[in-house]
Amino acid sequence: MDFIKQTLNIFLDLFTVLIFLRVIFSWMVRERGALMHFLIQATDPLIVPLRKVLPMVGMIDFSPMFAIILLDVIRKIVNVYL
């Protein structure tokens, strides 16, 4: 059971880093290269549904922040119940 918990924690950590990198690169990089396309494809399964639920405030998209919060909640649930 400990192996499953560690594996899920690593996956959640990696996914959080990918979302964070997507946000940082979206601010800094104007041209979408291969790395940005990878980040978008890897994180869209979580961010797109959140974007449909959460309204944008001006030009600010809060869906990546809520995705990271959601991943942290999932991590806490995994660590408590597994």
C-alpha atoms as a PDB file:
ATOM      1  CA  MET A   1       0.000   0.000   0.000  1.00  0.00           C
ATOM      2  CA  ASP A   2       2.922   2.308   0.703  1.00  0.00           C
ATOM      3  CA  PHE A   3       4.143   1.874  -2.885  1.00  0.00           C
ATOM      4  CA  ILE A   4       0.759   3.029  -4.224  1.00  0.00           C
ATOM      5  CA  LYS A   5       0.764   6.058  -1.939  1.00  0.00           C
ATOM      6  CA  GLN A   6       4.286   7.046  -2.998  1.00  0.00           C
ATOM      7  CA  THR A   7       3.471   6.556  -6.672  1.00  0.00           C
ATOM      8  CA  LEU A   8       0.339   8.704  -6.421  1.00  0.00           C
ATOM      9  CA  ASN A   9       2.249  11.398  -4.533  1.00  0.00           C
ATOM     10  CA  ILE A  10       4.947  11.478  -7.212  1.00  0.00           C
ATOM     11  CA  PHE A  11       2.304  11.705  -9.954  1.00  0.00           C
ATOM     12  CA  LEU A  12       0.492  14.526  -8.149  1.00  0.00           C
ATOM     13  CA  ASP A  13       3.769  16.388  -7.562  1.00  0.00           C
ATOM     14  CA  LEU A  14       4.738  16.035 -11.205  1.00  0.00           C
ATOM     15  CA  PHE A  15       1.329  17.212 -12.390  1.00  0.00           C
ATOM     16  CA  THR A  16       1.548  20.234 -10.068  1.00  0.00           C
ATOM     17  CA  VAL A  17       4.966  21.140 -11.474  1.00  0.00           C
ATOM     18  CA  LEU A  18       3.661  20.809 -15.039  1.00  0.00           C
ATOM     19  CA  ILE A  19       0.788  23.204 -14.286  1.00  0.00           C
ATOM     20  CA  PHE A  20       3.169  25.649 -12.621  1.00  0.00           C
ATOM     21  CA  LEU A  21       5.542  25.521 -15.620  1.00  0.00           C
ATOM     22  CA  ARG A  22       2.619  26.056 -17.990  1.00  0.00           C
ATOM     23  CA  VAL A  23       1.637  29.219 -16.142  1.00  0.00           C
ATOM     24  CA  ILE A  24       5.199  30.570 -15.992  1.00  0.00           C
ATOM     25  CA  PHE A  25       5.903  29.833 -19.654  1.00  0.00           C
ATOM     26  CA  SER A  26       2.579  31.337 -20.733  1.00  0.00           C
ATOM     27  CA  TRP A  27       3.702  34.636 -19.189  1.00  0.00           C
ATOM     28  CA  MET A  28       7.219  34.558 -20.615  1.00  0.00           C
ATOM     29  CA  VAL A  29       7.136  32.784 -23.985  1.00  0.00           C
ATOM     30  CA  ARG A  30       5.246  34.292 -26.902  1.00  0.00           C
ATOM     31  CA  GLU A  31       5.927  31.508 -29.405  1.00  0.00           C
ATOM     32  CA  ARG A  32       4.535  28.084 -28.641  1.00  0.00           C
ATOM     33  CA  GLY A  33       7.291  25.568 -29.054  1.00  0.00           C
ATOM     34  CA  ALA A  34       7.329  21.852 -28.452  1.00  0.00           C
ATOM     35  CA  LEU A  35       7.677  22.273 -24.677  1.00  0.00           C
ATOM     36  CA  MET A  36       4.661  24.561 -24.429  1.00  0.00           C
ATOM     37  CA  HIS A  37       2.579  22.198 -26.574  1.00  0.00           C
ATOM     38  CA  PHE A  38       3.571  19.316 -24.299  1.00  0.00           C
ATOM     39  CA  LEU A  39       2.621  21.309 -21.185  1.00  0.00           C
ATOM     40  CA  ILE A  40      -0.734  22.255 -22.677  1.00  0.00           C
ATOM     41  CA  GLN A  41      -1.557  18.697 -23.739  1.00  0.00           C
ATOM     42  CA  ALA A  42      -0.452  17.256 -20.390  1.00  0.00           C
ATOM     43  CA  THR A  43      -2.412  19.690 -18.220  1.00  0.00           C
ATOM     44  CA  ASP A  44      -5.531  20.350 -20.313  1.00  0.00           C
ATOM     45  CA  PRO A  45      -7.447  17.300 -19.005  1.00  0.00           C
ATOM     46  CA  LEU A  46      -7.660  19.037 -15.622  1.00  0.00           C
ATOM     47  CA  ILE A  47      -7.581  22.717 -16.569  1.00  0.00           C
ATOM     48  CA  VAL A  48     -10.201  22.731 -19.359  1.00  0.00           C
ATOM     49  CA  PRO A  49     -13.083  21.383 -17.200  1.00  0.00           C
ATOM     50  CA  LEU A  50     -12.184  23.872 -14.467  1.00  0.00           C
ATOM     51  CA  ARG A  51     -12.159  26.692 -17.015  1.00  0.00           C
ATOM     52  CA  LYS A  52     -15.737  25.804 -17.961  1.00  0.00           C
ATOM     53  CA  VAL A  53     -16.845  26.107 -14.325  1.00  0.00           C
ATOM     54  CA  LEU A  54     -14.769  29.080 -13.151  1.00  0.00           C
ATOM     55  CA  PRO A  55     -15.356  32.509 -14.658  1.00  0.00           C
ATOM     56  CA  MET A  56     -12.395  34.576 -15.813  1.00  0.00           C
ATOM     57  CA  VAL A  57     -11.823  37.818 -13.953  1.00  0.00           C
ATOM     58  CA  GLY A  58     -10.712  40.296 -16.567  1.00  0.00           C
ATOM     59  CA  MET A  59      -7.706  38.752 -18.272  1.00  0.00           C
ATOM     60  CA  ILE A  60      -6.887  36.463 -15.329  1.00  0.00           C
ATOM     61  CA  ASP A  61      -7.546  32.739 -15.577  1.00  0.00           C
ATOM     62  CA  PHE A  62      -7.815  31.190 -12.115  1.00  0.00           C
ATOM     63  CA  SER A  63      -8.248  27.602 -13.337  1.00  0.00           C
ATOM     64  CA  PRO A  64      -4.532  26.656 -12.944  1.00  0.00           C
ATOM     65  CA  MET A  65      -4.560  27.910  -9.348  1.00  0.00           C
ATOM     66  CA  PHE A  66      -7.693  25.902  -8.541  1.00  0.00           C
ATOM     67  CA  ALA A  67      -6.197  22.871 -10.312  1.00  0.00           C
ATOM     68  CA  ILE A  68      -3.169  23.047  -8.011  1.00  0.00           C
ATOM     69  CA  ILE A  69      -5.459  23.405  -4.991  1.00  0.00           C
ATOM     70  CA  LEU A  70      -7.511  20.415  -6.183  1.00  0.00           C
ATOM     71  CA  LEU A  71      -4.355  18.336  -6.603  1.00  0.00           C
ATOM     72  CA  ASP A  72      -3.288  19.261  -3.075  1.00  0.00           C
ATOM     73  CA  VAL A  73      -6.678  18.180  -1.701  1.00  0.00           C
ATOM     74  CA  ILE A  74      -6.379  14.872  -3.573  1.00  0.00           C
ATOM     75  CA  ARG A  75      -2.855  14.429  -2.166  1.00  0.00           C
ATOM     76  CA  LYS A  76      -4.143  14.946   1.379  1.00  0.00           C
ATOM     77  CA  ILE A  77      -6.955  12.462   0.843  1.00  0.00           C
ATOM     78  CA  VAL A  78      -4.509   9.891  -0.542  1.00  0.00           C
ATOM     79  CA  ASN A  79      -2.130  10.348   2.392  1.00  0.00           C
ATOM     80  CA  VAL A  80      -4.891  10.032   4.996  1.00  0.00           C
ATOM     81  CA  TYR A  81      -6.837   7.106   3.553  1.00  0.00           C
ATOM     82  CA  LEU A  82      -4.101   4.965   1.980  1.00  0.00           C
END
